[in-house]
Amino acid sequence: MERDLVEYIVKSLVDDPAAVEIKVIEGEKSTILELKVAEADVGKVIGKNGRIARAIRTILSASASAQSKRVILEILD
């Protein structure tokens, strides 16, 4: 569910939605989402001073806490 949420938000932000890749790594206590976008779109996902990335992480943690999970979003270059 969290993967779909991040994918929807990020594809709405970028110019090349086909280049969006999300790899899910399940751990014992947490889940890591590794996000990879086109090189030209990295700035759009991170935002000025990291504001957009922080907002995505806030939405993601709110969604995950409703299910008593911990989800970490990593944006890869």
PDB file of N, CA and C in Angstrom:
ATOM      1  N   MET A   1       0.816  -1.191   0.000  1.00  0.00           N
ATOM      2  CA  MET A   1       0.000   0.000   0.000  1.00  0.00           C
ATOM      3  C   MET A   1       0.864   1.261   0.000  1.00  0.00           C
ATOM      4  N   GLU A   2       1.914   1.282   0.840  1.00  0.00           N
ATOM      5  CA  GLU A   2       2.781   2.446   0.890  1.00  0.00           C
ATOM      6  C   GLU A   2       3.506   2.650  -0.426  1.00  0.00           C
ATOM      7  N   ARG A   3       3.872   1.541  -1.056  1.00  0.00           N
ATOM      8  CA  ARG A   3       4.555   1.632  -2.348  1.00  0.00           C
ATOM      9  C   ARG A   3       3.657   2.325  -3.370  1.00  0.00           C
ATOM     10  N   ASP A   4       2.391   1.949  -3.390  1.00  0.00           N
ATOM     11  CA  ASP A   4       1.444   2.544  -4.334  1.00  0.00           C
ATOM     12  C   ASP A   4       1.241   4.030  -4.051  1.00  0.00           C
ATOM     13  N   LEU A   5       1.212   4.386  -2.787  1.00  0.00           N
ATOM     14  CA  LEU A   5       1.042   5.786  -2.396  1.00  0.00           C
ATOM     15  C   LEU A   5       2.214   6.630  -2.881  1.00  0.00           C
ATOM     16  N   VAL A   6       3.429   6.173  -2.623  1.00  0.00           N
ATOM     17  CA  VAL A   6       4.618   6.912  -3.058  1.00  0.00           C
ATOM     18  C   VAL A   6       4.676   6.980  -4.575  1.00  0.00           C
ATOM     19  N   GLU A   7       4.361   5.875  -5.234  1.00  0.00           N
ATOM     20  CA  GLU A   7       4.391   5.839  -6.690  1.00  0.00           C
ATOM     21  C   GLU A   7       3.403   6.844  -7.284  1.00  0.00           C
ATOM     22  N   TYR A   8       2.221   6.935  -6.740  1.00  0.00           N
ATOM     23  CA  TYR A   8       1.207   7.874  -7.218  1.00  0.00           C
ATOM     24  C   TYR A   8       1.672   9.323  -7.046  1.00  0.00           C
ATOM     25  N   ILE A   9       2.203   9.633  -5.873  1.00  0.00           N
ATOM     26  CA  ILE A   9       2.642  11.004  -5.595  1.00  0.00           C
ATOM     27  C   ILE A   9       3.807  11.385  -6.507  1.00  0.00           C
ATOM     28  N   VAL A  10       4.801  10.518  -6.605  1.00  0.00           N
ATOM     29  CA  VAL A  10       5.996  10.837  -7.381  1.00  0.00           C
ATOM     30  C   VAL A  10       5.690  10.929  -8.872  1.00  0.00           C
ATOM     31  N   LYS A  11       4.876  10.022  -9.389  1.00  0.00           N
ATOM     32  CA  LYS A  11       4.539  10.086 -10.813  1.00  0.00           C
ATOM     33  C   LYS A  11       3.762  11.348 -11.152  1.00  0.00           C
ATOM     34  N   SER A  12       3.060  11.910 -10.181  1.00  0.00           N
ATOM     35  CA  SER A  12       2.350  13.164 -10.407  1.00  0.00           C
ATOM     36  C   SER A  12       3.310  14.354 -10.464  1.00  0.00           C
ATOM     37  N   LEU A  13       4.469  14.220  -9.849  1.00  0.00           N
ATOM     38  CA  LEU A  13       5.421  15.324  -9.764  1.00  0.00           C
ATOM     39  C   LEU A  13       6.402  15.398 -10.933  1.00  0.00           C
ATOM     40  N   VAL A  14       6.807  14.256 -11.456  1.00  0.00           N
ATOM     41  CA  VAL A  14       7.911  14.215 -12.416  1.00  0.00           C
ATOM     42  C   VAL A  14       7.441  14.377 -13.859  1.00  0.00           C
ATOM     43  N   ASP A  15       8.416  14.712 -14.732  1.00  0.00           N
ATOM     44  CA  ASP A  15       8.131  14.843 -16.158  1.00  0.00           C
ATOM     45  C   ASP A  15       8.136  13.485 -16.867  1.00  0.00           C
ATOM     46  N   ASP A  16       8.910  12.533 -16.331  1.00  0.00           N
ATOM     47  CA  ASP A  16       9.037  11.209 -16.954  1.00  0.00           C
ATOM     48  C   ASP A  16       8.544  10.130 -15.989  1.00  0.00           C
ATOM     49  N   PRO A  17       7.216   9.933 -15.906  1.00  0.00           N
ATOM     50  CA  PRO A  17       6.690   8.946 -14.955  1.00  0.00           C
ATOM     51  C   PRO A  17       7.101   7.504 -15.258  1.00  0.00           C
ATOM     52  N   ALA A  18       7.493   7.227 -16.487  1.00  0.00           N
ATOM     53  CA  ALA A  18       7.899   5.865 -16.843  1.00  0.00           C
ATOM     54  C   ALA A  18       9.233   5.495 -16.192  1.00  0.00           C
ATOM     55  N   ALA A  19      10.023   6.489 -15.820  1.00  0.00           N
ATOM     56  CA  ALA A  19      11.340   6.230 -15.228  1.00  0.00           C
ATOM     57  C   ALA A  19      11.283   6.020 -13.717  1.00  0.00           C
ATOM     58  N   VAL A  20      10.115   6.129 -13.122  1.00  0.00           N
ATOM     59  CA  VAL A  20       9.983   5.970 -11.666  1.00  0.00           C
ATOM     60  C   VAL A  20      10.070   4.482 -11.317  1.00  0.00           C
ATOM     61  N   GLU A  21      11.018   4.168 -10.427  1.00  0.00           N
ATOM     62  CA  GLU A  21      11.187   2.790  -9.962  1.00  0.00           C
ATOM     63  C   GLU A  21      11.206   2.799  -8.432  1.00  0.00           C
ATOM     64  N   ILE A  22      10.469   1.889  -7.836  1.00  0.00           N
ATOM     65  CA  ILE A  22      10.450   1.775  -6.378  1.00  0.00           C
ATOM     66  C   ILE A  22      10.771   0.332  -6.014  1.00  0.00           C
ATOM     67  N   LYS A  23      11.831   0.171  -5.235  1.00  0.00           N
ATOM     68  CA  LYS A  23      12.243  -1.153  -4.767  1.00  0.00           C
ATOM     69  C   LYS A  23      11.871  -1.260  -3.294  1.00  0.00           C
ATOM     70  N   VAL A  24      11.181  -2.317  -2.924  1.00  0.00           N
ATOM     71  CA  VAL A  24      10.729  -2.517  -1.547  1.00  0.00           C
ATOM     72  C   VAL A  24      11.644  -3.533  -0.867  1.00  0.00           C
ATOM     73  N   ILE A  25      12.185  -3.141   0.290  1.00  0.00           N
ATOM     74  CA  ILE A  25      13.027  -4.036   1.081  1.00  0.00           C
ATOM     75  C   ILE A  25      12.337  -4.217   2.432  1.00  0.00           C
ATOM     76  N   GLU A  26      11.856  -5.432   2.659  1.00  0.00           N
ATOM     77  CA  GLU A  26      11.150  -5.749   3.900  1.00  0.00           C
ATOM     78  C   GLU A  26      12.145  -6.175   4.968  1.00  0.00           C
ATOM     79  N   GLY A  27      12.033  -5.569   6.138  1.00  0.00           N
ATOM     80  CA  GLY A  27      12.853  -5.952   7.274  1.00  0.00           C
ATOM     81  C   GLY A  27      11.968  -6.471   8.391  1.00  0.00           C
ATOM     82  N   GLU A  28      12.587  -6.793   9.530  1.00  0.00           N
ATOM     83  CA  GLU A  28      11.814  -7.292  10.662  1.00  0.00           C
ATOM     84  C   GLU A  28      10.912  -6.221  11.253  1.00  0.00           C
ATOM     85  N   LYS A  29      11.485  -5.032  11.469  1.00  0.00           N
ATOM     86  CA  LYS A  29      10.737  -3.979  12.127  1.00  0.00           C
ATOM     87  C   LYS A  29      10.327  -2.844  11.205  1.00  0.00           C
ATOM     88  N   SER A  30      10.924  -2.785  10.029  1.00  0.00           N
ATOM     89  CA  SER A  30      10.605  -1.673   9.142  1.00  0.00           C
ATOM     90  C   SER A  30      10.687  -2.099   7.683  1.00  0.00           C
ATOM     91  N   THR A  31      10.164  -1.240   6.831  1.00  0.00           N
ATOM     92  CA  THR A  31      10.199  -1.436   5.393  1.00  0.00           C
ATOM     93  C   THR A  31      10.922  -0.251   4.780  1.00  0.00           C
ATOM     94  N   ILE A  32      11.828  -0.533   3.861  1.00  0.00           N
ATOM     95  CA  ILE A  32      12.564   0.532   3.185  1.00  0.00           C
ATOM     96  C   ILE A  32      12.083   0.597   1.747  1.00  0.00           C
ATOM     97  N   LEU A  33      11.737   1.802   1.311  1.00  0.00           N
ATOM     98  CA  LEU A  33      11.356   2.040  -0.076  1.00  0.00           C
ATOM     99  C   LEU A  33      12.485   2.812  -0.739  1.00  0.00           C
ATOM    100  N   GLU A  34      13.121   2.226  -1.757  1.00  0.00           N
ATOM    101  CA  GLU A  34      14.175   2.908  -2.492  1.00  0.00           C
ATOM    102  C   GLU A  34      13.570   3.469  -3.768  1.00  0.00           C
ATOM    103  N   LEU A  35      13.596   4.781  -3.881  1.00  0.00           N
ATOM    104  CA  LEU A  35      12.975   5.479  -5.004  1.00  0.00           C
ATOM    105  C   LEU A  35      14.045   5.930  -5.974  1.00  0.00           C
ATOM    106  N   LYS A  36      13.843   5.597  -7.243  1.00  0.00           N
ATOM    107  CA  LYS A  36      14.763   6.019  -8.290  1.00  0.00           C
ATOM    108  C   LYS A  36      13.938   6.690  -9.386  1.00  0.00           C
ATOM    109  N   VAL A  37      14.357   7.900  -9.771  1.00  0.00           N
ATOM    110  CA  VAL A  37      13.682   8.644 -10.837  1.00  0.00           C
ATOM    111  C   VAL A  37      14.726   9.063 -11.858  1.00  0.00           C
ATOM    112  N   ALA A  38      14.267   9.634 -12.968  1.00  0.00           N
ATOM    113  CA  ALA A  38      15.180  10.129 -13.991  1.00  0.00           C
ATOM    114  C   ALA A  38      16.053  11.232 -13.402  1.00  0.00           C
ATOM    115  N   GLU A  39      17.261  11.352 -13.932  1.00  0.00           N
ATOM    116  CA  GLU A  39      18.225  12.329 -13.400  1.00  0.00           C
ATOM    117  C   GLU A  39      17.666  13.749 -13.399  1.00  0.00           C
ATOM    118  N   ALA A  40      16.903  14.105 -14.419  1.00  0.00           N
ATOM    119  CA  ALA A  40      16.353  15.460 -14.518  1.00  0.00           C
ATOM    120  C   ALA A  40      15.235  15.701 -13.497  1.00  0.00           C
ATOM    121  N   ASP A  41      14.645  14.648 -12.973  1.00  0.00           N
ATOM    122  CA  ASP A  41      13.504  14.778 -12.066  1.00  0.00           C
ATOM    123  C   ASP A  41      13.867  14.690 -10.588  1.00  0.00           C
ATOM    124  N   VAL A  42      15.124  14.452 -10.266  1.00  0.00           N
ATOM    125  CA  VAL A  42      15.517  14.296  -8.869  1.00  0.00           C
ATOM    126  C   VAL A  42      15.203  15.564  -8.080  1.00  0.00           C
ATOM    127  N   GLY A  43      15.487  16.714  -8.658  1.00  0.00           N
ATOM    128  CA  GLY A  43      15.217  17.980  -7.977  1.00  0.00           C
ATOM    129  C   GLY A  43      13.747  18.209  -7.712  1.00  0.00           C
ATOM    130  N   LYS A  44      12.900  17.734  -8.605  1.00  0.00           N
ATOM    131  CA  LYS A  44      11.451  17.900  -8.422  1.00  0.00           C
ATOM    132  C   LYS A  44      10.941  17.037  -7.273  1.00  0.00           C
ATOM    133  N   VAL A  45      11.552  15.887  -7.072  1.00  0.00           N
ATOM    134  CA  VAL A  45      11.125  14.994  -5.998  1.00  0.00           C
ATOM    135  C   VAL A  45      11.656  15.473  -4.649  1.00  0.00           C
ATOM    136  N   ILE A  46      12.874  15.998  -4.637  1.00  0.00           N
ATOM    137  CA  ILE A  46      13.459  16.472  -3.382  1.00  0.00           C
ATOM    138  C   ILE A  46      12.896  17.840  -3.016  1.00  0.00           C
ATOM    139  N   GLY A  47      12.795  18.738  -3.968  1.00  0.00           N
ATOM    140  CA  GLY A  47      12.241  20.059  -3.708  1.00  0.00           C
ATOM    141  C   GLY A  47      13.250  21.007  -3.094  1.00  0.00           C
ATOM    142  N   LYS A  48      12.857  22.237  -2.970  1.00  0.00           N
ATOM    143  CA  LYS A  48      13.733  23.268  -2.417  1.00  0.00           C
ATOM    144  C   LYS A  48      13.936  23.004  -0.924  1.00  0.00           C
ATOM    145  N   ASN A  49      15.202  22.878  -0.537  1.00  0.00           N
ATOM    146  CA  ASN A  49      15.576  22.560   0.845  1.00  0.00           C
ATOM    147  C   ASN A  49      14.955  21.252   1.333  1.00  0.00           C
ATOM    148  N   GLY A  50      14.606  20.353   0.426  1.00  0.00           N
ATOM    149  CA  GLY A  50      14.062  19.052   0.811  1.00  0.00           C
ATOM    150  C   GLY A  50      12.616  19.067   1.261  1.00  0.00           C
ATOM    151  N   ARG A  51      11.893  20.114   0.933  1.00  0.00           N
ATOM    152  CA  ARG A  51      10.516  20.245   1.423  1.00  0.00           C
ATOM    153  C   ARG A  51       9.578  19.183   0.852  1.00  0.00           C
ATOM    154  N   ILE A  52       9.685  18.906  -0.435  1.00  0.00           N
ATOM    155  CA  ILE A  52       8.780  17.921  -1.034  1.00  0.00           C
ATOM    156  C   ILE A  52       9.096  16.525  -0.510  1.00  0.00           C
ATOM    157  N   ALA A  53      10.376  16.200  -0.405  1.00  0.00           N
ATOM    158  CA  ALA A  53      10.767  14.889   0.133  1.00  0.00           C
ATOM    159  C   ALA A  53      10.272  14.740   1.566  1.00  0.00           C
ATOM    160  N   ARG A  54      10.394  15.792   2.357  1.00  0.00           N
ATOM    161  CA  ARG A  54       9.920  15.752   3.747  1.00  0.00           C
ATOM    162  C   ARG A  54       8.408  15.565   3.797  1.00  0.00           C
ATOM    163  N   ALA A  55       7.694  16.237   2.896  1.00  0.00           N
ATOM    164  CA  ALA A  55       6.235  16.102   2.856  1.00  0.00           C
ATOM    165  C   ALA A  55       5.822  14.682   2.470  1.00  0.00           C
ATOM    166  N   ILE A  56       6.512  14.101   1.497  1.00  0.00           N
ATOM    167  CA  ILE A  56       6.211  12.719   1.093  1.00  0.00           C
ATOM    168  C   ILE A  56       6.471  11.771   2.258  1.00  0.00           C
ATOM    169  N   ARG A  57       7.573  11.982   2.960  1.00  0.00           N
ATOM    170  CA  ARG A  57       7.896  11.117   4.111  1.00  0.00           C
ATOM    171  C   ARG A  57       6.877  11.272   5.232  1.00  0.00           C
ATOM    172  N   THR A  58       6.371  12.488   5.427  1.00  0.00           N
ATOM    173  CA  THR A  58       5.355  12.718   6.456  1.00  0.00           C
ATOM    174  C   THR A  58       4.068  11.975   6.124  1.00  0.00           C
ATOM    175  N   ILE A  59       3.623  12.080   4.883  1.00  0.00           N
ATOM    176  CA  ILE A  59       2.418  11.366   4.440  1.00  0.00           C
ATOM    177  C   ILE A  59       2.625   9.862   4.567  1.00  0.00           C
ATOM    178  N   LEU A  60       3.799   9.405   4.194  1.00  0.00           N
ATOM    179  CA  LEU A  60       4.118   7.979   4.251  1.00  0.00           C
ATOM    180  C   LEU A  60       4.122   7.460   5.686  1.00  0.00           C
ATOM    181  N   SER A  61       4.710   8.225   6.594  1.00  0.00           N
ATOM    182  CA  SER A  61       4.740   7.761   7.991  1.00  0.00           C
ATOM    183  C   SER A  61       3.356   7.793   8.619  1.00  0.00           C
ATOM    184  N   ALA A  62       2.521   8.747   8.221  1.00  0.00           N
ATOM    185  CA  ALA A  62       1.147   8.782   8.736  1.00  0.00           C
ATOM    186  C   ALA A  62       0.360   7.570   8.245  1.00  0.00           C
ATOM    187  N   SER A  63       0.549   7.223   7.000  1.00  0.00           N
ATOM    188  CA  SER A  63      -0.129   6.052   6.439  1.00  0.00           C
ATOM    189  C   SER A  63       0.365   4.769   7.106  1.00  0.00           C
ATOM    190  N   ALA A  64       1.659   4.681   7.336  1.00  0.00           N
ATOM    191  CA  ALA A  64       2.229   3.465   7.921  1.00  0.00           C
ATOM    192  C   ALA A  64       1.877   3.330   9.399  1.00  0.00           C
ATOM    193  N   SER A  65       1.805   4.447  10.115  1.00  0.00           N
ATOM    194  CA  SER A  65       1.504   4.360  11.547  1.00  0.00           C
ATOM    195  C   SER A  65       0.068   3.900  11.790  1.00  0.00           C
ATOM    196  N   ALA A  66      -0.801   4.121  10.834  1.00  0.00           N
ATOM    197  CA  ALA A  66      -2.165   3.628  10.958  1.00  0.00           C
ATOM    198  C   ALA A  66      -2.188   2.099  10.959  1.00  0.00           C
ATOM    199  N   GLN A  67      -1.154   1.505  10.369  1.00  0.00           N
ATOM    200  CA  GLN A  67      -1.051   0.045  10.324  1.00  0.00           C
ATOM    201  C   GLN A  67       0.030  -0.477  11.274  1.00  0.00           C
ATOM    202  N   SER A  68       0.512   0.393  12.168  1.00  0.00           N
ATOM    203  CA  SER A  68       1.564   0.049  13.132  1.00  0.00           C
ATOM    204  C   SER A  68       2.823  -0.459  12.452  1.00  0.00           C
ATOM    205  N   LYS A  69       3.235   0.224  11.386  1.00  0.00           N
ATOM    206  CA  LYS A  69       4.441  -0.117  10.654  1.00  0.00           C
ATOM    207  C   LYS A  69       5.400   1.059  10.697  1.00  0.00           C
ATOM    208  N   ARG A  70       6.631   0.822  10.271  1.00  0.00           N
ATOM    209  CA  ARG A  70       7.610   1.883  10.093  1.00  0.00           C
ATOM    210  C   ARG A  70       8.142   1.774   8.673  1.00  0.00           C
ATOM    211  N   VAL A  71       8.034   2.861   7.926  1.00  0.00           N
ATOM    212  CA  VAL A  71       8.450   2.865   6.530  1.00  0.00           C
ATOM    213  C   VAL A  71       9.472   3.987   6.342  1.00  0.00           C
ATOM    214  N   ILE A  72      10.562   3.660   5.658  1.00  0.00           N
ATOM    215  CA  ILE A  72      11.627   4.621   5.382  1.00  0.00           C
ATOM    216  C   ILE A  72      11.717   4.817   3.880  1.00  0.00           C
ATOM    217  N   LEU A  73      11.753   6.075   3.453  1.00  0.00           N
ATOM    218  CA  LEU A  73      11.882   6.393   2.030  1.00  0.00           C
ATOM    219  C   LEU A  73      13.285   6.889   1.760  1.00  0.00           C
ATOM    220  N   GLU A  74      13.973   6.224   0.838  1.00  0.00           N
ATOM    221  CA  GLU A  74      15.303   6.640   0.403  1.00  0.00           C
ATOM    222  C   GLU A  74      15.216   7.044  -1.051  1.00  0.00           C
ATOM    223  N   ILE A  75      15.699   8.231  -1.357  1.00  0.00           N
ATOM    224  CA  ILE A  75      15.707   8.716  -2.729  1.00  0.00           C
ATOM    225  C   ILE A  75      17.120   8.518  -3.277  1.00  0.00           C
ATOM    226  N   LEU A  76      17.237   7.670  -4.283  1.00  0.00           N
ATOM    227  CA  LEU A  76      18.546   7.344  -4.869  1.00  0.00           C
ATOM    228  C   LEU A  76      18.833   8.254  -6.048  1.00  0.00           C
ATOM    229  N   ASP A  77      20.115   8.610  -6.198  1.00  0.00           N
ATOM    230  CA  ASP A  77      20.525   9.438  -7.341  1.00  0.00           C
ATOM    231  C   ASP A  77      20.795   8.589  -8.545  1.00  0.00           C
TER     232      ASP A  77
END
